C-alpha cells in the first residue's frame, strides 16, 4: 500500500462521504438495521451515529484499509454500540453462515474489486429472514451522463481508491441472488457522474 493510499486517501474519502447529501442518505437507511449487523466497508465509522441503539445488538465492521480503521477507532470510542473491526476485504467475510440479521453497505459496492464474490459472501452470512440494506452511487439513467461515467471511470478509479462511478448496483444485487424489496433512486446535489444514488433493502431470494 502506498503512502497516498495509507495516509492521504482515507482522509479524502472521509471528507467526501461526510458531505450533507451523503449524511441525508445515511439517515434514510442506517436506522433500519436490526440485531447483529455486518457493515461492509466500515470506513471511518460515519454510519455509527445513525444506528438505532434500541434495535442493534452489535456491529461487525469489515474494513481492509488500515488508514480507515485508524480513523474509525475514534468514532467507535465515542459510540455506545458494541463494534468489532475486521481487517479484511469485502470478498473475505470471516463469519458463520446465517449469522447476521442485517448486512449494511453504504458507498462501498463501487469499490470492491470482486463485487460478485463479495455479494455471495454477504448472502451466505445473512439469516434467511434477514435484510441487506444498501445506499450506493452508480450508473446513471441518462445516456449523456453514462457516457461521461464510462469515459472518466478508468482515471477516476486510479485516484479514488478503486471506486467505480458506473456500476449497476441493483443488477449486481439481483445477480447475486437477492430480491429487491425497496428500490429508490435519484441524483444528489453535485456532479451528476458521481451522484446518482441507489438505496433500499433486499432479502435472499
Protein backbone atom coordinates (compact mmCIF):
# COMPACT_ATOMS: atom_id res chain seq x y z
CA UNK A 1 0.00 0.00 0.00
CA UNK A 2 1.40 3.41 -0.98
CA UNK A 3 1.75 6.43 1.31
CA UNK A 4 -1.08 8.11 -0.64
CA UNK A 5 -3.41 5.13 -0.08
CA UNK A 6 -2.46 4.81 3.59
CA UNK A 7 -2.36 8.44 4.72
CA UNK A 8 -3.99 10.76 2.18
CA UNK A 9 -6.80 8.77 0.56
CA UNK A 10 -8.61 7.79 3.81
CA UNK A 11 -8.89 11.46 4.79
CA UNK A 12 -10.11 12.48 1.33
CA UNK A 13 -12.71 9.70 1.24
CA UNK A 14 -13.84 10.56 4.75
CA UNK A 15 -14.38 14.19 3.73
CA UNK A 16 -16.21 13.27 0.51
CA UNK A 17 -18.51 10.85 2.33
CA UNK A 18 -19.25 13.37 5.08
CA UNK A 19 -20.95 15.95 2.88
CA UNK A 20 -24.55 16.87 3.72
CA UNK A 21 -26.26 14.95 0.85
CA UNK A 22 -24.45 11.74 1.86
CA UNK A 23 -25.39 12.28 5.51
CA UNK A 24 -29.03 12.65 4.48
CA UNK A 25 -28.84 9.33 2.63
CA UNK A 26 -27.35 7.60 5.66
CA UNK A 27 -30.23 8.93 7.76
CA UNK A 28 -32.66 7.16 5.44
CA UNK A 29 -31.10 3.70 5.50
CA UNK A 30 -28.88 3.06 8.56
CA UNK A 31 -31.64 3.32 11.23
CA UNK A 32 -33.38 0.37 9.56
CA UNK A 33 -30.62 -2.02 10.68
CA UNK A 34 -31.58 -4.53 13.38
CA UNK A 35 -29.99 -7.26 15.50
CA UNK A 36 -26.47 -8.39 14.69
CA UNK A 37 -25.19 -6.19 11.86
CA UNK A 38 -22.37 -6.73 9.39
CA UNK A 39 -21.28 -3.44 7.87
CA UNK A 40 -19.21 -3.94 4.73
CA UNK A 41 -16.77 -1.12 4.13
CA UNK A 42 -16.99 0.32 7.64
CA UNK A 43 -14.68 3.15 6.65
CA UNK A 44 -14.15 5.78 9.34
CA UNK A 45 -17.38 4.91 11.14
CA UNK A 46 -19.58 7.55 9.52
CA UNK A 47 -22.68 5.36 9.93
CA UNK A 48 -22.34 4.94 13.69
CA UNK A 49 -24.42 8.00 14.70
CA UNK A 50 -27.36 6.78 12.60
CA UNK A 51 -27.82 3.29 14.08
CA UNK A 52 -30.86 2.87 16.32
CA UNK A 53 -29.21 1.65 19.52
CA UNK A 54 -32.52 0.15 20.71
CA UNK A 55 -32.65 -2.23 17.73
CA UNK A 56 -28.99 -3.19 17.22
CA UNK A 57 -27.09 -5.68 19.39
CA UNK A 58 -23.66 -5.42 17.81
CA UNK A 59 -21.87 -4.32 14.65
CA UNK A 60 -19.10 -6.14 12.84
CA UNK A 61 -17.26 -3.55 10.77
CA UNK A 62 -15.38 -5.07 7.82
CA UNK A 63 -12.70 -2.61 6.67
CA UNK A 64 -9.49 -3.57 4.82
CA UNK A 65 -7.83 -0.13 4.97
CA UNK A 66 -5.52 0.43 7.93
CA UNK A 67 -5.89 4.18 7.43
CA UNK A 68 -9.67 3.94 7.64
CA UNK A 69 -9.52 1.67 10.69
CA UNK A 70 -7.31 4.24 12.39
CA UNK A 71 -9.96 6.91 11.82
CA UNK A 72 -12.75 4.51 12.80
CA UNK A 73 -11.35 3.80 16.25
CA UNK A 74 -12.00 7.42 17.25
CA UNK A 75 -15.65 7.13 16.16
CA UNK A 76 -16.04 3.78 17.93
CA UNK A 77 -14.70 5.27 21.17
CA UNK A 78 -17.46 7.91 21.03
CA UNK A 79 -20.21 5.36 20.31
CA UNK A 80 -22.23 3.29 22.79
CA UNK A 81 -22.55 0.46 20.26
CA UNK A 82 -20.64 -2.79 20.54
CA UNK A 83 -18.39 -2.71 17.47
CA UNK A 84 -15.76 -5.20 16.32
CA UNK A 85 -13.48 -4.16 13.48
CA UNK A 86 -12.43 -6.85 10.99
CA UNK A 87 -9.39 -6.02 8.88
CA UNK A 88 -10.37 -7.98 5.77
CA UNK A 89 -11.72 -7.01 2.33
CA UNK A 90 -15.35 -7.46 1.32
CA UNK A 91 -14.56 -10.69 -0.51
CA UNK A 92 -13.44 -12.31 2.77
CA UNK A 93 -16.13 -12.43 5.47
CA UNK A 94 -14.97 -14.49 8.49
CA UNK A 95 -18.46 -15.10 9.92
CA UNK A 96 -20.58 -18.24 10.03
CA UNK A 97 -23.40 -18.99 7.60
CA UNK A 98 -26.77 -17.47 8.59
CA UNK A 99 -25.18 -15.46 11.41
CA UNK A 100 -26.27 -11.84 10.86
CA UNK A 101 -29.66 -10.14 10.83
CA UNK A 102 -28.62 -7.17 8.70
CA UNK A 103 -25.92 -6.56 6.13
CA UNK A 104 -25.29 -2.85 5.55
CA UNK A 105 -23.38 -1.45 2.58
CA UNK A 106 -23.07 2.30 2.08
CA UNK A 107 -20.86 3.75 -0.68
CA UNK A 108 -18.86 0.51 -0.77
CA UNK A 109 -20.03 -1.69 -3.65
CA UNK A 110 -18.49 0.82 -6.03
CA UNK A 111 -15.01 -0.02 -4.74
CA UNK A 112 -14.88 -3.77 -4.01
CA UNK A 113 -12.80 -5.36 -6.83
CA UNK A 114 -14.66 -8.69 -6.94
CA UNK A 115 -18.13 -7.38 -6.18
CA UNK A 116 -19.96 -10.57 -7.22
CA UNK A 117 -17.83 -12.69 -4.88
CA UNK A 118 -18.36 -10.22 -2.03
CA UNK A 119 -22.13 -10.23 -2.51
CA UNK A 120 -22.19 -14.03 -2.47
CA UNK A 121 -20.40 -13.85 0.88
CA UNK A 122 -22.95 -11.37 2.22
CA UNK A 123 -25.75 -13.68 1.12
CA UNK A 124 -24.04 -16.60 2.86
CA UNK A 125 -23.82 -14.93 6.28
CA UNK A 126 -27.28 -13.33 6.15
CA UNK A 127 -30.04 -15.15 8.03
CA UNK A 128 -32.94 -16.40 5.85
CA UNK A 129 -35.23 -13.65 7.12
CA UNK A 130 -32.50 -11.03 7.26
CA UNK A 131 -32.15 -7.92 5.14
CA UNK A 132 -29.39 -6.34 3.10
CA UNK A 133 -29.61 -2.54 3.31
CA UNK A 134 -27.79 -0.54 0.67
CA UNK A 135 -27.02 3.06 -0.21
CA UNK A 136 -24.68 3.41 -3.17
CA UNK A 137 -23.79 5.61 -6.10
CA UNK A 138 -23.60 4.13 -9.57
CA UNK A 139 -24.65 4.07 -13.20
CA UNK A 140 -26.94 6.94 -14.13
CA UNK A 141 -30.15 6.57 -16.17
CA UNK A 142 -29.34 9.37 -18.63
CA UNK A 143 -27.28 8.41 -21.66
CA UNK A 144 -25.24 11.61 -21.71
CA UNK A 145 -24.27 11.14 -18.05
CA UNK A 146 -23.48 7.45 -18.59
CA UNK A 147 -21.22 8.42 -21.49
CA UNK A 148 -19.15 10.60 -19.18
CA UNK A 149 -19.14 7.98 -16.45
CA UNK A 150 -17.72 5.38 -18.83
CA UNK A 151 -15.21 7.86 -20.24
CA UNK A 152 -13.93 9.09 -16.86
CA UNK A 153 -14.08 5.87 -14.88
CA UNK A 154 -10.60 4.47 -15.68
CA UNK A 155 -8.86 7.63 -14.45
CA UNK A 156 -11.28 8.07 -11.55
CA UNK A 157 -10.50 4.56 -10.23
CA UNK A 158 -6.80 5.37 -10.05
CA UNK A 159 -7.23 8.46 -7.88
CA UNK A 160 -10.25 7.35 -5.84
CA UNK A 161 -9.04 4.10 -4.35
CA UNK A 162 -10.65 1.82 -6.93
CA UNK A 163 -14.07 3.49 -6.85
CA UNK A 164 -16.20 2.87 -9.94
CA UNK A 165 -18.71 5.55 -10.88
CA UNK A 166 -20.65 3.37 -13.35
CA UNK A 167 -21.60 0.14 -11.58
CA UNK A 168 -25.19 -1.09 -11.96
CA UNK A 169 -25.89 -1.59 -8.27
CA UNK A 170 -29.30 -3.26 -8.37
CA UNK A 171 -28.24 -5.57 -11.21
CA UNK A 172 -25.27 -6.77 -9.12
CA UNK A 173 -27.55 -7.47 -6.16
CA UNK A 174 -30.02 -9.42 -8.25
CA UNK A 175 -27.30 -11.44 -9.96
CA UNK A 176 -26.01 -12.44 -6.52
CA UNK A 177 -29.39 -13.92 -5.56
CA UNK A 178 -31.04 -11.02 -3.78
CA UNK A 179 -34.65 -9.96 -4.25
CA UNK A 180 -35.07 -6.18 -4.14
CA UNK A 181 -37.87 -5.16 -1.79
CA UNK A 182 -37.33 -1.40 -1.72
CA UNK A 183 -35.74 0.40 -4.65
CA UNK A 184 -35.15 4.17 -4.60
CA UNK A 185 -33.04 6.23 -6.99
CA UNK A 186 -32.22 9.87 -7.62
CA UNK A 187 -29.44 12.34 -8.29
CA UNK A 188 -27.97 14.01 -5.23
CA UNK A 189 -26.66 17.58 -5.44
CA UNK A 190 -23.27 17.67 -7.14
CA UNK A 191 -21.57 16.32 -10.25
CA UNK A 192 -24.07 14.01 -11.94
CA UNK A 193 -21.48 11.43 -12.94
CA UNK A 194 -20.77 10.83 -9.23
CA UNK A 195 -24.10 11.46 -7.55
CA UNK A 196 -26.71 9.09 -8.95
CA UNK A 197 -27.80 7.21 -5.81
CA UNK A 198 -29.49 3.88 -5.24
CA UNK A 199 -30.85 2.98 -1.80
CA UNK A 200 -33.19 0.40 -0.38
CA UNK A 201 -33.48 -3.13 1.00
CA UNK A 202 -33.13 -6.65 -0.34
CA UNK A 203 -33.61 -10.15 1.00
CA UNK A 204 -32.40 -13.59 -0.03
CA UNK A 205 -34.41 -14.89 -2.99
